[in-house]
Protein backbone atom coordinates (compact mmCIF):
# COMPACT_ATOMS: atom_id res chain seq x y z
CA MET A 1 -0.16 -0.09 0.28
CA THR A 2 1.47 3.20 -0.94
CA ALA A 3 1.46 6.38 1.93
CA LEU A 4 0.78 8.73 -0.61
CA GLY A 5 -2.57 10.44 -1.52
CA TYR A 6 -4.18 12.47 -4.16
CA HIS A 7 -5.92 15.90 -3.11
CA ALA A 8 -9.57 17.03 -4.42
CA SER A 9 -9.34 20.79 -4.29
CA HIS A 10 -13.29 22.10 -4.42
CA GLU A 11 -12.13 25.70 -4.76
CA GLN A 12 -10.73 24.76 -8.14
CA PHE A 13 -12.95 22.10 -9.91
CA PRO A 14 -16.31 21.76 -10.56
CA PRO A 15 -17.14 18.55 -8.07
CA SER A 16 -18.26 16.57 -11.06
CA ASP A 17 -14.80 16.81 -12.36
CA LEU A 18 -13.10 16.01 -9.41
CA LEU A 19 -15.27 12.61 -9.26
CA ALA A 20 -13.42 11.48 -12.52
CA TYR A 21 -10.25 12.92 -11.41
CA VAL A 22 -10.13 10.43 -7.99
CA GLU A 23 -11.03 7.55 -10.31
CA ARG A 24 -8.13 8.73 -12.49
CA ALA A 25 -5.94 8.82 -9.94
CA GLU A 26 -7.19 5.47 -7.87
CA GLY A 27 -6.19 4.37 -11.17
CA ALA A 28 -3.13 5.83 -11.25
CA GLY A 29 -2.14 3.98 -7.64
CA PHE A 30 -3.26 6.74 -5.53
CA GLU A 31 -5.33 5.11 -1.97
CA HIS A 32 -5.80 7.76 -0.52
CA VAL A 33 -8.13 11.07 -1.06
CA LEU A 34 -7.96 14.54 0.89
CA ALA A 35 -10.85 16.70 -0.18
CA SER A 36 -11.45 20.04 0.72
CA ASP A 37 -14.94 21.67 2.72
CA HIS A 38 -15.14 25.41 1.95
CA PHE A 39 -18.30 27.25 1.05
CA HIS A 40 -16.27 30.14 -1.22
CA PRO A 41 -13.46 29.89 -3.37
CA TRP A 42 -9.54 31.21 -2.12
CA SER A 43 -10.34 33.28 -5.32
CA GLU A 44 -12.38 34.55 -8.24
CA ARG A 45 -10.09 32.75 -10.51
CA GLN A 46 -10.36 29.83 -9.08
CA GLY A 47 -14.63 29.77 -9.29
CA GLU A 48 -15.40 26.77 -7.59
CA SER A 49 -16.73 25.51 -4.34
CA GLY A 50 -19.19 22.58 -4.16
CA HIS A 51 -20.38 20.94 -1.23
CA VAL A 52 -17.71 18.13 0.04
CA TRP A 53 -19.98 16.36 1.91
CA ALA A 54 -22.42 15.37 -0.96
CA TRP A 55 -19.96 14.78 -2.93
CA LEU A 56 -18.12 12.50 -0.63
CA GLY A 57 -20.70 9.60 -1.01
CA ALA A 58 -20.82 9.75 -4.56
CA ALA A 59 -16.91 9.42 -4.58
CA MET A 60 -16.24 7.13 -1.71
CA ARG A 61 -18.93 4.83 -3.96
CA SER A 62 -16.92 5.00 -7.40
CA THR A 63 -13.90 4.29 -5.81
CA GLU A 64 -12.00 2.11 -3.12
CA MET A 65 -9.65 4.35 -1.53
CA SER A 66 -9.98 6.51 1.99
CA PHE A 67 -10.91 9.71 2.05
CA GLY A 68 -10.83 12.56 4.31
CA THR A 69 -11.93 16.00 5.07
CA VAL A 70 -11.25 19.47 6.50
CA ASN A 71 -13.89 20.56 8.70
CA ALA A 72 -14.52 23.55 11.06
CA PRO A 73 -17.28 22.85 13.21
CA GLY A 74 -18.98 25.11 15.72
CA TYR A 75 -19.94 28.25 13.01
CA ARG A 76 -21.69 27.10 9.61
CA TYR A 77 -21.85 23.25 10.57
CA HIS A 78 -23.34 21.91 13.80
CA PRO A 79 -20.66 19.54 15.26
CA ALA A 80 -23.20 17.15 16.06
CA VAL A 81 -24.73 17.77 12.58
CA ILE A 82 -20.81 16.56 11.37
CA ALA A 83 -20.95 13.71 13.51
CA GLN A 84 -23.95 12.19 12.05
CA ALA A 85 -22.03 12.78 8.68
CA ALA A 86 -19.15 10.93 9.72
CA ALA A 87 -20.51 8.13 11.06
CA THR A 88 -22.94 7.32 8.10
CA LEU A 89 -19.88 7.49 5.48
CA ARG A 90 -17.67 5.77 7.98
CA GLU A 91 -21.04 3.09 8.70
CA MET A 92 -21.38 2.60 4.64
CA TYR A 93 -17.68 2.59 3.39
CA PRO A 94 -16.05 0.65 6.96
CA GLU A 95 -12.27 1.85 7.63
CA ARG A 96 -12.43 4.35 4.69
CA PHE A 97 -13.61 7.70 6.09
CA TRP A 98 -11.39 10.18 8.85
CA ILE A 99 -11.71 13.63 9.28
CA THR A 100 -9.80 16.43 10.10
CA LEU A 101 -10.98 19.61 12.79
CA GLY A 102 -9.34 23.03 12.03
CA SER A 103 -10.47 26.63 13.52
CA GLY A 104 -11.74 27.43 10.25
CA GLN A 105 -11.60 31.01 8.71
CA LEU A 106 -13.98 33.93 7.85
CA LEU A 107 -13.67 33.33 4.08
CA ASN A 108 -15.87 29.79 4.85
CA GLU A 109 -17.99 30.41 8.50
CA GLY A 110 -18.55 34.04 8.19
CA ILE A 111 -21.33 33.67 5.96
CA THR A 112 -23.82 32.60 9.22
CA GLY A 113 -23.14 36.68 10.39
CA THR A 114 -21.08 35.28 13.56
CA ASP A 115 -18.80 37.28 15.21
CA TRP A 116 -15.72 35.84 14.20
CA PRO A 117 -13.57 35.21 17.31
CA VAL A 118 -9.75 35.67 18.25
CA LYS A 119 -7.62 32.18 17.06
CA GLY A 120 -7.70 31.32 21.24
CA GLU A 121 -11.14 31.18 21.11
CA ARG A 122 -11.50 29.63 18.08
CA ASN A 123 -9.67 27.10 19.60
CA ALA A 124 -11.26 26.64 22.98
CA ARG A 125 -14.24 26.42 20.54
CA LEU A 126 -12.92 23.69 17.77
CA GLU A 127 -11.36 21.34 20.98
CA GLU A 128 -15.09 21.69 22.99
CA CYS A 129 -16.89 20.82 19.23
CA ALA A 130 -14.28 17.54 18.97
CA GLU A 131 -15.26 16.56 22.49
CA VAL A 132 -18.90 16.79 21.74
CA MET A 133 -18.30 14.83 18.27
CA ARG A 134 -16.36 11.65 20.11
CA ARG A 135 -18.93 11.26 22.49
CA LEU A 136 -21.92 10.77 20.01
CA PHE A 137 -19.24 8.53 17.86
CA GLU A 138 -19.20 6.40 21.64
CA GLY A 139 -22.68 6.76 21.65
CA GLU A 140 -23.84 8.92 24.13
CA GLU A 141 -26.92 11.07 24.71
CA VAL A 142 -25.11 13.66 24.67
CA THR A 143 -26.36 17.63 26.53
CA HIS A 144 -23.42 20.26 26.62
CA HIS A 145 -24.11 23.88 26.93
CA GLY A 146 -20.94 26.06 26.40
CA ARG A 147 -19.49 27.93 23.13
CA VAL A 148 -21.93 25.49 21.35
CA ASP A 149 -25.35 24.31 22.62
CA VAL A 150 -26.63 20.22 22.55
CA GLU A 151 -29.62 19.05 24.02
CA ARG A 152 -30.16 15.24 24.02
CA ALA A 153 -28.51 14.31 21.29
CA THR A 154 -27.89 10.30 20.47
CA LEU A 155 -25.88 9.03 16.77
CA TYR A 156 -28.69 6.27 16.09
CA THR A 157 -26.13 4.86 13.05
CA LEU A 158 -22.69 4.38 14.34
CA PRO A 159 -19.81 2.35 12.42
CA GLU A 160 -18.15 -0.11 14.05
CA SER A 161 -15.47 1.97 14.68
CA PRO A 162 -15.40 5.72 15.16
CA PRO A 163 -13.42 8.34 12.62
CA PRO A 164 -10.09 8.76 13.90
CA VAL A 165 -10.23 12.88 14.46
CA ILE A 166 -7.37 14.97 13.17
CA GLY A 167 -6.55 18.17 13.48
CA ALA A 168 -5.02 20.60 11.69
CA ALA A 169 -2.20 22.82 12.54
CA LEU A 170 -0.22 25.37 10.49
CA SER A 171 2.11 26.83 13.25
CA VAL A 172 3.96 25.16 15.68
CA GLU A 173 1.79 25.97 18.31
CA THR A 174 -1.05 24.97 17.33
CA ALA A 175 1.13 21.51 16.62
CA GLU A 176 1.49 21.54 20.15
CA TRP A 177 -2.02 21.89 21.19
CA LEU A 178 -3.25 19.57 19.30
CA ALA A 179 -0.98 16.38 20.73
CA GLY A 180 -3.05 16.77 23.92
CA TRP A 181 -6.64 15.78 22.18
CA ALA A 182 -6.42 15.04 18.43
CA ASP A 183 -6.21 11.01 16.94
CA GLY A 184 -2.95 12.98 14.72
CA MET A 185 -1.89 16.15 13.16
CA ILE A 186 -2.07 17.17 9.35
CA THR A 187 0.15 20.19 8.21
CA VAL A 188 1.13 21.50 5.04
CA GLY A 189 3.80 20.57 2.94
CA THR A 190 5.76 23.42 1.04
CA PRO A 191 9.80 23.87 -0.36
CA ASP A 192 10.80 25.20 3.08
CA GLN A 193 11.24 21.58 4.90
CA GLU A 194 12.94 22.57 7.87
CA ALA A 195 9.80 25.08 8.57
CA ASP A 196 7.01 21.93 7.95
CA ALA A 197 10.13 19.50 9.93
CA ARG A 198 9.73 22.19 13.06
CA ARG A 199 5.74 22.03 13.66
CA ILE A 200 6.16 17.65 12.65
CA GLU A 201 8.48 17.55 15.89
CA ALA A 202 6.59 19.60 17.98
CA PHE A 203 3.43 17.38 17.57
CA ARG A 204 5.90 14.23 18.15
CA GLU A 205 7.34 14.97 21.03
CA ARG A 206 4.02 15.22 22.47
CA ALA A 207 2.20 12.20 21.16
CA PRO A 208 4.86 9.95 19.44
CA GLU A 209 2.60 7.31 19.00
CA LYS A 210 0.10 9.34 16.38
CA PRO A 211 -0.50 9.98 12.75
CA VAL A 212 1.07 12.84 11.22
CA TYR A 213 -0.17 13.79 7.70
CA LEU A 214 1.52 16.19 5.00
CA LYS A 215 -1.08 18.22 2.76
CA ALA A 216 2.13 18.82 0.22
CA GLN A 217 1.64 21.89 -2.55
CA HIS A 218 3.02 20.82 -5.54
CA ALA A 219 2.84 22.32 -9.14
CA TYR A 220 3.67 20.17 -11.79
CA ASP A 221 4.27 21.14 -16.01
CA ALA A 222 5.98 19.22 -18.49
CA ASP A 223 7.21 23.03 -19.00
CA GLU A 224 8.39 24.48 -15.46
CA SER A 225 7.46 28.14 -16.32
CA ALA A 226 4.28 27.09 -17.28
CA ALA A 227 4.38 25.16 -13.93
CA LEU A 228 4.83 27.93 -11.79
CA GLU A 229 2.70 30.89 -14.28
CA ASP A 230 -0.86 28.32 -13.07
CA ALA A 231 0.48 27.91 -9.71
CA TYR A 232 0.88 31.66 -9.75
CA GLU A 233 -2.71 32.21 -11.20
CA GLN A 234 -4.21 29.43 -9.16
CA TRP A 235 -2.87 29.83 -5.63
CA ARG A 236 -1.07 33.02 -5.43
CA THR A 237 -3.93 34.02 -2.98
CA ASN A 238 -3.19 31.40 -0.10
CA CYS A 239 0.76 32.79 -0.03
CA VAL A 240 -0.26 36.01 1.53
CA PRO A 241 2.14 35.96 4.60
CA GLY A 242 0.46 35.48 8.33
CA PRO A 243 -2.86 35.27 9.64
CA VAL A 244 -4.47 38.19 7.99
CA THR A 245 -5.87 35.63 5.47
CA GLN A 246 -7.79 34.02 8.39
CA GLN A 247 -9.59 37.02 9.19
CA LEU A 248 -10.53 38.06 5.31
CA ARG A 249 -14.18 37.46 4.06
CA THR A 250 -15.09 37.22 0.47
CA PRO A 251 -12.69 35.87 -2.67
CA GLU A 252 -12.45 39.50 -3.45
CA GLU A 253 -10.18 40.06 -0.69
CA PHE A 254 -8.31 37.39 -1.01
CA ASP A 255 -7.94 38.47 -4.82
CA GLU A 256 -7.14 42.34 -3.47
CA LEU A 257 -3.97 40.83 -1.45
CA GLY A 258 -3.26 38.71 -4.03
CA GLU A 259 -2.41 41.15 -6.18
CA GLN A 260 1.05 41.95 -3.70
CA VAL A 261 1.99 38.30 -4.06
CA THR A 262 5.28 37.84 -6.63
CA ARG A 263 5.45 34.29 -8.55
CA GLU A 264 8.82 34.16 -5.92
CA GLN A 265 6.51 34.29 -2.78
CA VAL A 266 4.65 31.61 -4.57
CA ALA A 267 7.76 29.22 -5.75
CA GLU A 268 8.54 30.16 -1.66
CA ASN A 269 5.40 28.33 -0.39
CA VAL A 270 4.69 25.49 -3.53
CA ARG A 271 6.88 22.58 -4.65
CA VAL A 272 7.22 24.19 -8.27
CA SER A 273 8.58 21.89 -10.79
CA ALA A 274 8.72 20.48 -14.05
CA ASP A 275 11.50 17.52 -12.98
CA LEU A 276 9.11 14.52 -11.72
CA ASP A 277 12.95 13.74 -9.30
CA GLU A 278 12.18 16.78 -7.88
CA HIS A 279 9.51 15.65 -6.64
CA VAL A 280 10.27 12.75 -5.68
CA GLU A 281 12.99 14.44 -3.72
CA TRP A 282 10.54 16.34 -2.28
CA ILE A 283 8.74 13.79 -0.68
CA GLU A 284 11.10 11.36 0.02
CA ARG A 285 12.24 13.80 2.44
CA ASP A 286 8.98 14.32 3.84
CA PHE A 287 8.66 11.08 4.85
CA GLU A 288 12.45 11.44 6.41
CA GLN A 289 10.78 13.55 8.58
CA GLY A 290 8.30 11.14 10.06
CA VAL A 291 5.49 11.96 7.96
CA ASP A 292 3.00 8.60 7.83
CA ARG A 293 1.06 10.19 4.88
CA VAL A 294 1.80 12.65 2.03
CA TYR A 295 -1.75 14.17 0.26
CA LEU A 296 -0.38 15.56 -2.95
CA HIS A 297 -1.91 18.46 -4.16
CA ASN A 298 -1.10 19.79 -7.02
CA VAL A 299 -2.40 23.16 -7.30
CA ALA A 300 -1.98 23.81 -10.96
CA THR A 301 -5.13 23.05 -13.32
CA ASN A 302 -3.56 20.10 -15.27
CA GLN A 303 -5.03 17.35 -13.35
CA ALA A 304 -5.32 14.84 -15.64
CA ALA A 305 -1.41 15.01 -16.75
CA PHE A 306 -0.51 15.00 -13.29
CA VAL A 307 -2.17 11.95 -12.11
CA ASP A 308 -0.93 10.25 -14.86
CA ASP A 309 2.82 11.09 -14.92
CA PHE A 310 2.80 11.28 -11.21
CA GLY A 311 1.52 7.48 -11.52
CA GLU A 312 4.04 6.71 -14.07
CA GLU A 313 6.88 8.16 -12.94
CA VAL A 314 6.73 9.61 -8.69
CA LEU A 315 4.25 6.74 -6.95
CA PRO A 316 6.27 3.33 -7.73
CA SER A 317 9.41 5.52 -5.94
CA PHE A 318 7.11 5.28 -2.58
CA GLY A 319 5.38 1.62 -3.16
């Protein structure tokens, strides 16, 4: 079994196309999928944002791969409803579904009109939601009053084993905090693998037995300049430095800040290369840092070529 997965980016592609891409990815040798859960895209240029939970049932039916998604409970999603959805998928497709929980971004969670909390308060709400979900997964009747309210909720449909609850981290501080309550951690993989290693080490020091996943940001094309240009068009809004992006409400606001991002900055955040051997080297270093699974996100638009070429030239190095 390969420890490499494919990232299904709902902000970039229609769900019908993503269904075809995951089927193609399975045929190429990928065995895992990570899917994003957005209400809005990061940019008007991306221009998509299908509902991941509607898509997951179809994708898991048409493939045999494992699937996970990143969710921010406590805002547009009530944690009891997400627990029900996760339990249902894992009952239908045993052992194949897991969920990642994160503190969210205003871009998606702001649609409810909520007052957007500071990071510390968002973390506290996240941990509270995770505890509610875990109790529901165990079959408890849950009543809880705090940052979220739950009144006599019970999940009547449960899988044989509960979905693993993985925590999402973009900083060393969050990685340290997640180690105390999450079943594992997922973080981003960039060309700055020393920075990636610091997050991984921070989690591993406190939770050495728990798995670590990586969503690695790659841009591949047979032509290097085309790979960079596509990454710049599609992903520069995700290369804005600092936590300011957690406070932006609309794709237009992201695009406005993205105009200040250069192609050089994109190359600092995305592993851009036309050389498949270089992509292999990046991934090898990921695994050398003790990562259990790497989800490859080709931020460029040429998904079919990426899947085919990586299936033929990259995945065999990790089989």
